[in-house]
Protein backbone atom coordinates (compact mmCIF):
# COMPACT_ATOMS: atom_id res chain seq x y z
CA UNK A 1 38.89 -5.44 -29.35
CA UNK A 2 36.10 -4.93 -31.88
CA UNK A 3 34.45 -8.14 -30.74
CA UNK A 4 34.23 -6.89 -27.16
CA UNK A 5 32.57 -3.67 -28.28
CA UNK A 6 30.10 -5.59 -30.43
CA UNK A 7 29.25 -7.97 -27.57
CA UNK A 8 28.85 -5.02 -25.18
CA UNK A 9 26.52 -3.28 -27.63
CA UNK A 10 24.41 -6.42 -28.12
CA UNK A 11 24.09 -7.18 -24.41
CA UNK A 12 23.51 -3.51 -23.60
CA UNK A 13 20.72 -3.42 -26.17
CA UNK A 14 19.16 -6.54 -24.68
CA UNK A 15 19.23 -5.04 -21.18
CA UNK A 16 17.70 -1.79 -22.39
CA UNK A 17 14.94 -3.66 -24.23
CA UNK A 18 14.22 -5.75 -21.13
CA UNK A 19 13.67 -2.50 -19.24
CA UNK A 20 11.76 -0.63 -21.94
CA UNK A 21 9.24 -3.29 -22.96
CA UNK A 22 7.77 -3.97 -19.48
CA UNK A 23 7.89 -0.25 -18.69
CA UNK A 24 5.92 0.54 -21.83
CA UNK A 25 3.39 -2.18 -21.07
CA UNK A 26 2.89 -0.90 -17.51
CA UNK A 27 2.52 2.66 -18.76
CA UNK A 28 -0.08 1.57 -21.31
CA UNK A 29 -2.04 -0.31 -18.65
CA UNK A 30 -1.96 2.74 -16.38
CA UNK A 31 -3.17 4.98 -19.18
CA UNK A 32 -6.03 2.64 -20.07
CA UNK A 33 -7.12 2.48 -16.45
CA UNK A 34 -7.10 6.29 -16.19
CA UNK A 35 -4.27 6.44 -13.71
CA UNK A 36 -3.08 9.88 -14.73
CA UNK A 37 -6.35 11.77 -14.48
CA UNK A 38 -6.91 14.30 -11.71
CA UNK A 39 -10.21 12.75 -10.75
CA UNK A 40 -8.46 9.43 -10.15
CA UNK A 41 -5.87 11.13 -7.95
CA UNK A 42 -8.66 12.89 -6.06
CA UNK A 43 -10.50 9.59 -5.58
CA UNK A 44 -7.35 7.94 -4.27
CA UNK A 45 -6.83 10.80 -1.81
CA UNK A 46 -10.43 10.48 -0.60
CA UNK A 47 -10.06 6.72 -0.20
CA UNK A 48 -6.85 7.20 1.76
CA UNK A 49 -8.59 9.67 4.09
CA UNK A 50 -11.48 7.25 4.62
CA UNK A 51 -9.10 4.40 5.39
CA UNK A 52 -7.23 6.58 7.88
CA UNK A 53 -10.50 7.56 9.57
CA UNK A 54 -11.56 3.91 9.78
CA UNK A 55 -8.18 2.95 11.24
CA UNK A 56 -8.37 5.73 13.84
CA UNK A 57 -11.92 4.74 14.74
CA UNK A 58 -10.90 1.11 15.15
CA UNK A 59 -7.95 2.12 17.32
CA UNK A 60 -10.26 4.14 19.60
CA UNK A 61 -12.71 1.22 19.72
CA UNK A 62 -9.89 -1.12 20.71
CA UNK A 63 -8.92 1.21 23.56
CA UNK A 64 -12.53 1.34 24.74
CA UNK A 65 -12.86 -2.44 24.66
CA UNK A 66 -9.66 -2.81 26.66
CA UNK A 67 -10.99 -0.32 29.23
CA UNK A 68 -14.27 -2.25 29.47
CA UNK A 69 -12.40 -5.53 29.87
CA UNK A 70 -10.37 -3.99 32.69
CA UNK A 71 -13.53 -2.77 34.41
CA UNK A 72 -15.18 -6.19 34.08
CA UNK A 73 -12.12 -8.00 35.38
CA UNK A 74 -11.87 -5.63 38.35
CA UNK A 75 -15.54 -6.22 39.22
CA UNK A 76 -15.06 -9.96 38.88
CA UNK A 77 -12.06 -9.89 41.23
CA UNK A 78 -14.00 -7.81 43.77
CA UNK A 79 -16.86 -10.29 43.62
CA UNK A 80 -14.53 -13.21 44.25
CA UNK A 81 -12.98 -11.50 47.31
CA UNK A 82 -16.30 -10.93 49.01
């Protein structure tokens, strides 16, 4: 019975270390890159807003292009009928 407890403690320790070491490394990298500062969060929010605006603009442009294609195709069909 003691052997099972010892094996469980050893393997449990290994699993915990496998979780703690990469977590600590990732946390250190984030700290060095300034990931927790408020200015960084503000910059990320601004970038997200800009990306959303670009996406919305591109969506509207796509709709306009489709409308123009429809108009051109309609004119082309009318020209072929006459």
